[in-house]
Every structure is written in structure tokens, then in C-alpha cells.
N, C-alpha and C. Protein backbone atom coordinates (compact mmCIF):
# COMPACT_ATOMS: atom_id res chain seq x y z
N MET A 1 0.86 -1.20 0.00
CA MET A 1 -0.03 0.00 -0.02
C MET A 1 0.86 1.23 -0.01
N ALA A 2 1.97 1.22 0.79
CA ALA A 2 2.85 2.37 0.85
C ALA A 2 3.44 2.73 -0.55
N ALA A 3 3.96 1.62 -1.22
CA ALA A 3 4.47 1.83 -2.54
C ALA A 3 3.45 2.36 -3.57
N GLY A 4 2.20 1.89 -3.41
CA GLY A 4 1.11 2.35 -4.26
C GLY A 4 0.84 3.84 -4.09
N PHE A 5 0.77 4.26 -2.84
CA PHE A 5 0.59 5.65 -2.56
C PHE A 5 1.74 6.47 -2.99
N LEU A 6 2.90 6.00 -2.74
CA LEU A 6 4.18 6.78 -3.09
C LEU A 6 4.20 6.98 -4.63
N ARG A 7 3.98 5.95 -5.38
CA ARG A 7 3.95 6.05 -6.82
C ARG A 7 2.88 6.96 -7.25
N HIS A 8 1.71 6.93 -6.69
CA HIS A 8 0.60 7.74 -7.06
C HIS A 8 0.76 9.26 -6.71
N LEU A 9 1.24 9.43 -5.47
CA LEU A 9 1.32 10.86 -4.99
C LEU A 9 2.65 11.61 -5.42
N ALA A 10 3.73 10.89 -5.59
CA ALA A 10 5.02 11.49 -5.89
C ALA A 10 5.34 11.40 -7.35
N GLY A 11 4.70 10.59 -8.10
CA GLY A 11 4.91 10.39 -9.51
C GLY A 11 6.33 10.02 -9.79
N ASP A 12 6.95 10.62 -10.79
CA ASP A 12 8.31 10.21 -11.16
C ASP A 12 9.41 11.01 -10.36
N ARG A 13 8.94 11.70 -9.29
CA ARG A 13 9.92 12.42 -8.47
C ARG A 13 10.72 11.42 -7.63
N VAL A 14 10.24 10.27 -7.44
CA VAL A 14 10.89 9.23 -6.65
C VAL A 14 10.90 7.85 -7.34
N GLU A 15 11.92 7.07 -7.06
CA GLU A 15 11.87 5.70 -7.53
C GLU A 15 11.54 4.78 -6.40
N VAL A 16 10.48 4.03 -6.58
CA VAL A 16 9.97 3.20 -5.48
C VAL A 16 10.37 1.76 -5.64
N ARG A 17 10.92 1.27 -4.50
CA ARG A 17 11.20 -0.19 -4.46
C ARG A 17 10.39 -0.76 -3.27
N SER A 18 9.73 -1.80 -3.48
CA SER A 18 8.91 -2.38 -2.38
C SER A 18 9.29 -3.84 -2.28
N ALA A 19 9.58 -4.21 -0.97
CA ALA A 19 9.98 -5.60 -0.72
C ALA A 19 9.74 -5.92 0.80
N GLY A 20 9.80 -7.15 1.02
CA GLY A 20 9.64 -7.62 2.41
C GLY A 20 10.60 -8.69 2.85
N SER A 21 10.83 -8.79 4.10
CA SER A 21 11.81 -9.80 4.63
C SER A 21 11.22 -11.19 4.45
N LEU A 22 9.88 -11.31 4.54
CA LEU A 22 9.25 -12.62 4.33
C LEU A 22 7.99 -12.38 3.52
N PRO A 23 8.14 -12.03 2.22
CA PRO A 23 6.96 -11.63 1.49
C PRO A 23 6.01 -12.91 1.18
N GLY A 24 4.75 -12.58 1.09
CA GLY A 24 3.76 -13.62 0.71
C GLY A 24 3.93 -13.91 -0.78
N ASP A 25 3.00 -14.78 -1.22
CA ASP A 25 3.07 -15.21 -2.66
C ASP A 25 2.14 -14.35 -3.48
N ARG A 26 1.36 -13.40 -2.89
CA ARG A 26 0.53 -12.46 -3.56
C ARG A 26 0.19 -11.29 -2.66
N VAL A 27 -0.21 -10.26 -3.29
CA VAL A 27 -0.56 -9.05 -2.57
C VAL A 27 -1.89 -9.37 -1.79
N ASN A 28 -2.01 -8.94 -0.66
CA ASN A 28 -3.22 -9.12 0.22
C ASN A 28 -4.50 -8.58 -0.53
N PRO A 29 -5.40 -9.49 -0.75
CA PRO A 29 -6.65 -9.12 -1.52
C PRO A 29 -7.40 -7.98 -0.81
N ALA A 30 -7.41 -7.90 0.54
CA ALA A 30 -8.05 -6.83 1.26
C ALA A 30 -7.34 -5.51 0.99
N ALA A 31 -6.00 -5.59 0.95
CA ALA A 31 -5.23 -4.39 0.64
C ALA A 31 -5.54 -3.86 -0.80
N VAL A 32 -5.60 -4.82 -1.76
CA VAL A 32 -5.94 -4.46 -3.11
C VAL A 32 -7.34 -3.81 -3.12
N SER A 33 -8.32 -4.30 -2.45
CA SER A 33 -9.68 -3.69 -2.44
C SER A 33 -9.64 -2.34 -1.73
N ALA A 34 -8.95 -2.26 -0.63
CA ALA A 34 -8.86 -0.97 0.13
C ALA A 34 -8.21 0.16 -0.76
N MET A 35 -7.19 -0.27 -1.44
CA MET A 35 -6.48 0.71 -2.32
C MET A 35 -7.36 1.10 -3.52
N ALA A 36 -8.10 0.10 -4.07
CA ALA A 36 -8.93 0.39 -5.22
C ALA A 36 -9.97 1.47 -4.83
N GLU A 37 -10.37 1.43 -3.55
CA GLU A 37 -11.35 2.48 -3.12
C GLU A 37 -10.85 3.86 -3.23
N THR A 38 -9.50 3.96 -3.25
CA THR A 38 -8.85 5.33 -3.40
C THR A 38 -8.44 5.61 -4.78
N GLY A 39 -8.76 4.68 -5.78
CA GLY A 39 -8.45 4.88 -7.11
C GLY A 39 -7.02 4.40 -7.52
N ILE A 40 -6.41 3.67 -6.60
CA ILE A 40 -5.06 3.15 -6.85
C ILE A 40 -5.15 1.64 -6.99
N ASP A 41 -4.60 1.13 -8.17
CA ASP A 41 -4.62 -0.27 -8.43
C ASP A 41 -3.32 -0.83 -8.19
N ILE A 42 -3.28 -1.78 -7.15
CA ILE A 42 -2.02 -2.52 -6.81
C ILE A 42 -2.18 -3.99 -7.06
N ALA A 43 -3.24 -4.41 -7.79
CA ALA A 43 -3.51 -5.77 -8.03
C ALA A 43 -2.38 -6.42 -8.85
N GLY A 44 -1.79 -5.71 -9.72
CA GLY A 44 -0.74 -6.27 -10.58
C GLY A 44 0.63 -6.36 -9.92
N GLN A 45 0.75 -5.91 -8.68
CA GLN A 45 2.08 -5.91 -8.04
C GLN A 45 2.38 -7.37 -7.47
N GLN A 46 3.59 -7.69 -7.42
CA GLN A 46 4.06 -8.99 -6.99
C GLN A 46 5.02 -8.84 -5.78
N PRO A 47 4.76 -9.51 -4.63
CA PRO A 47 5.59 -9.35 -3.55
C PRO A 47 7.01 -9.81 -3.88
N LYS A 48 8.01 -9.08 -3.35
CA LYS A 48 9.43 -9.34 -3.65
C LYS A 48 10.21 -9.49 -2.30
N VAL A 49 11.17 -10.22 -2.36
CA VAL A 49 12.07 -10.33 -1.13
C VAL A 49 13.01 -9.14 -1.11
N LEU A 50 13.25 -8.62 0.14
CA LEU A 50 14.14 -7.49 0.33
C LEU A 50 15.60 -7.92 0.14
N THR A 51 16.28 -7.24 -0.70
CA THR A 51 17.72 -7.60 -0.92
C THR A 51 18.68 -6.49 -0.35
N THR A 52 19.82 -6.90 -0.09
CA THR A 52 20.81 -5.96 0.35
C THR A 52 21.03 -4.90 -0.68
N GLU A 53 21.06 -5.31 -2.00
CA GLU A 53 21.26 -4.35 -3.05
C GLU A 53 20.20 -3.28 -3.12
N ALA A 54 18.96 -3.66 -2.91
CA ALA A 54 17.87 -2.68 -2.92
C ALA A 54 18.04 -1.64 -1.85
N VAL A 55 18.44 -2.09 -0.61
CA VAL A 55 18.68 -1.15 0.41
C VAL A 55 19.88 -0.24 0.11
N GLN A 56 20.93 -0.77 -0.40
CA GLN A 56 22.08 0.02 -0.78
C GLN A 56 21.74 1.07 -1.86
N ALA A 57 20.86 0.74 -2.73
CA ALA A 57 20.54 1.67 -3.81
C ALA A 57 19.44 2.73 -3.35
N SER A 58 19.01 2.67 -2.17
CA SER A 58 17.96 3.58 -1.76
C SER A 58 18.49 4.68 -0.79
N ASP A 59 17.76 5.76 -0.84
CA ASP A 59 18.08 6.94 0.01
C ASP A 59 17.29 6.82 1.29
N TYR A 60 16.08 6.35 1.19
CA TYR A 60 15.13 6.19 2.30
C TYR A 60 14.76 4.72 2.40
N VAL A 61 14.71 4.21 3.58
CA VAL A 61 14.31 2.79 3.82
C VAL A 61 13.25 2.84 4.84
N ILE A 62 12.04 2.45 4.42
CA ILE A 62 10.89 2.46 5.34
C ILE A 62 10.64 1.03 5.72
N THR A 63 10.64 0.74 6.98
CA THR A 63 10.38 -0.65 7.39
C THR A 63 9.05 -0.64 8.23
N MET A 64 8.55 -1.77 8.36
CA MET A 64 7.33 -1.95 9.17
C MET A 64 7.51 -3.18 9.99
N GLY A 65 8.30 -3.06 10.98
CA GLY A 65 8.61 -4.19 11.91
C GLY A 65 9.64 -5.16 11.38
N CYS A 66 10.56 -4.65 10.54
CA CYS A 66 11.52 -5.59 9.97
C CYS A 66 12.53 -6.10 10.91
N GLY A 67 12.91 -5.33 11.87
CA GLY A 67 13.87 -5.80 12.85
C GLY A 67 15.20 -6.13 12.33
N ASP A 68 15.88 -7.21 12.82
CA ASP A 68 17.20 -7.59 12.43
C ASP A 68 17.25 -8.13 11.02
N ALA A 69 16.11 -8.46 10.40
CA ALA A 69 16.13 -9.06 9.06
C ALA A 69 16.47 -7.95 7.99
N CYS A 70 16.35 -6.71 8.35
CA CYS A 70 16.60 -5.66 7.32
C CYS A 70 18.05 -5.17 7.46
N PRO A 71 18.80 -5.16 6.33
CA PRO A 71 20.17 -4.65 6.31
C PRO A 71 20.18 -3.16 6.55
N VAL A 72 21.23 -2.70 7.26
CA VAL A 72 21.44 -1.30 7.63
C VAL A 72 22.80 -0.76 7.09
N PHE A 73 22.72 0.40 6.45
CA PHE A 73 23.97 0.92 5.83
C PHE A 73 24.02 2.41 6.31
N PRO A 74 25.21 2.90 6.56
CA PRO A 74 25.39 4.36 6.89
C PRO A 74 24.91 5.21 5.82
N GLY A 75 24.41 6.40 6.15
CA GLY A 75 24.02 7.36 5.17
C GLY A 75 22.61 7.22 4.64
N LYS A 76 21.89 6.24 5.07
CA LYS A 76 20.48 6.07 4.59
C LYS A 76 19.55 6.67 5.62
N HIS A 77 18.41 7.07 5.19
CA HIS A 77 17.36 7.60 6.10
C HIS A 77 16.51 6.38 6.43
N TYR A 78 16.39 5.95 7.68
CA TYR A 78 15.64 4.79 8.08
C TYR A 78 14.41 5.28 8.87
N LEU A 79 13.30 4.82 8.53
CA LEU A 79 11.99 5.09 9.18
C LEU A 79 11.35 3.75 9.50
N ASP A 80 10.90 3.52 10.67
CA ASP A 80 10.18 2.34 10.97
C ASP A 80 8.75 2.74 11.30
N TRP A 81 7.86 2.35 10.48
CA TRP A 81 6.40 2.71 10.71
C TRP A 81 5.70 1.57 11.48
N ALA A 82 5.36 1.85 12.67
CA ALA A 82 4.68 0.86 13.48
C ALA A 82 3.22 0.89 13.16
N LEU A 83 2.77 -0.14 12.41
CA LEU A 83 1.42 -0.29 11.86
C LEU A 83 0.89 -1.68 12.14
N ASP A 84 -0.40 -1.74 12.24
CA ASP A 84 -1.02 -3.11 12.37
C ASP A 84 -0.73 -3.87 11.02
N ASP A 85 -0.60 -5.24 11.12
CA ASP A 85 -0.33 -5.96 9.90
C ASP A 85 -1.66 -6.33 9.33
N PRO A 86 -1.87 -5.95 8.00
CA PRO A 86 -3.16 -6.26 7.34
C PRO A 86 -3.30 -7.66 6.98
N ALA A 87 -2.23 -8.51 7.11
CA ALA A 87 -2.35 -9.91 6.67
C ALA A 87 -3.54 -10.59 7.43
N GLY A 88 -4.34 -11.24 6.59
CA GLY A 88 -5.41 -12.04 7.15
C GLY A 88 -6.67 -11.19 7.63
N GLN A 89 -6.59 -9.95 7.43
CA GLN A 89 -7.71 -9.05 7.84
C GLN A 89 -8.61 -8.70 6.69
N GLY A 90 -9.87 -8.40 6.93
CA GLY A 90 -10.82 -8.01 5.92
C GLY A 90 -10.60 -6.53 5.61
N VAL A 91 -11.27 -6.08 4.58
CA VAL A 91 -11.13 -4.70 4.10
C VAL A 91 -11.57 -3.71 5.15
N GLU A 92 -12.55 -4.02 6.01
CA GLU A 92 -12.90 -3.09 7.05
C GLU A 92 -11.77 -2.82 8.01
N ALA A 93 -10.98 -3.83 8.38
CA ALA A 93 -9.83 -3.62 9.24
C ALA A 93 -8.64 -2.97 8.49
N VAL A 94 -8.58 -3.21 7.20
CA VAL A 94 -7.44 -2.66 6.48
C VAL A 94 -7.55 -1.14 6.12
N ARG A 95 -8.77 -0.72 6.02
CA ARG A 95 -8.99 0.74 5.72
C ARG A 95 -8.24 1.67 6.66
N PRO A 96 -8.31 1.52 8.03
CA PRO A 96 -7.58 2.44 8.90
C PRO A 96 -6.13 2.35 8.70
N ILE A 97 -5.56 1.10 8.39
CA ILE A 97 -4.14 0.91 8.10
C ILE A 97 -3.77 1.59 6.86
N ARG A 98 -4.61 1.50 5.81
CA ARG A 98 -4.40 2.21 4.55
C ARG A 98 -4.31 3.74 4.79
N ASP A 99 -5.28 4.25 5.60
CA ASP A 99 -5.29 5.67 5.80
C ASP A 99 -4.11 6.19 6.61
N ALA A 100 -3.64 5.37 7.54
CA ALA A 100 -2.41 5.75 8.33
C ALA A 100 -1.20 5.67 7.39
N ILE A 101 -1.12 4.71 6.50
CA ILE A 101 0.00 4.70 5.54
C ILE A 101 -0.05 5.85 4.64
N ARG A 102 -1.20 6.28 4.18
CA ARG A 102 -1.28 7.46 3.24
C ARG A 102 -0.73 8.70 3.97
N ALA A 103 -1.16 8.87 5.26
CA ALA A 103 -0.69 10.01 6.00
C ALA A 103 0.85 9.99 6.15
N ARG A 104 1.41 8.92 6.45
CA ARG A 104 2.92 8.78 6.50
C ARG A 104 3.59 9.00 5.22
N VAL A 105 2.99 8.53 4.12
CA VAL A 105 3.58 8.72 2.79
C VAL A 105 3.52 10.24 2.50
N GLU A 106 2.41 10.88 2.77
CA GLU A 106 2.38 12.29 2.49
C GLU A 106 3.35 13.15 3.25
N ALA A 107 3.61 12.75 4.51
CA ALA A 107 4.72 13.38 5.32
C ALA A 107 6.01 13.07 4.74
N LEU A 108 6.25 11.84 4.33
CA LEU A 108 7.53 11.47 3.73
C LEU A 108 7.80 12.35 2.38
N ILE A 109 6.80 12.43 1.61
CA ILE A 109 6.97 13.26 0.35
C ILE A 109 7.28 14.63 0.75
N ALA A 110 6.66 15.25 1.71
CA ALA A 110 6.93 16.62 2.13
C ALA A 110 8.41 16.68 2.64
N GLU A 111 8.89 15.69 3.37
CA GLU A 111 10.30 15.68 3.87
C GLU A 111 11.22 15.63 2.65
N ILE A 112 11.02 14.66 1.79
CA ILE A 112 11.85 14.56 0.60
C ILE A 112 11.87 15.83 -0.21
N ASP A 113 10.73 16.41 -0.42
CA ASP A 113 10.63 17.74 -1.18
C ASP A 113 11.36 18.81 -0.44
N GLY A 114 11.33 18.83 0.85
CA GLY A 114 12.04 19.80 1.66
C GLY A 114 13.52 19.73 1.68
N ARG A 115 14.04 18.53 1.34
CA ARG A 115 15.51 18.25 1.30
C ARG A 115 16.02 18.66 -0.05
N GLY A 116 15.11 18.66 -1.14
CA GLY A 116 15.54 18.89 -2.49
C GLY A 116 15.90 20.28 -2.68
């Protein structure tokens, strides 16, 4: 959801990489439905495993409870967003998570734009 919002709201101003330390085999259907309600289609996305190379190539690394599974490199901006896990939840439970993610993404874009 975060990657979907970032792509939608920031456009080509940022390059988005989305991955997880233990990704599922498909995007959460409730997340797909919740995002569709905002006009953002994430149905075609495929979960990917987080690689060291992806972190090295990034300026900002946003984690959601990654802990020790996420590589850390000097000079990167790390943000850990404490959010409920939408896995296994219905769309009703995912909506507030989606909205919290959108607020954080909007704040991140403002921070990035402020540094530019």
C-alpha cells in the first residue's frame, strides 16, 4: 500500500522499491480492495524479497517491523512505521491501516521535497 501511494502521489519524483523480509506469494486481497477504493490499483504488483542491493541503492528505507532481518547501511534515512499488519484481515480492518499509511507517505513526500 505504501508503494502504491508513493507512486501515485510522488509520480516520477521518486523511484519506489517495495519488498519484504518474508513476502507472501501475492498481494493481500483486502489491501488491493482498500487501495482500489482510493483509485489506486495495486492488483498487478508481486511481492518481492528485500535484498541488500535494494537497500544500498535507496536513500530512504521504510520498514514496518523488519527488525534484524533488514540490512542497515550508513548514510541512509531509516524510518520504522509501527502499523498493524493487514495480513489475514478483511477490508474493514485494512482501511484504517491504509489511511495511516497514506498520512505517513504524504509526510515522507513533504520531507523529501524539503530536502531537495
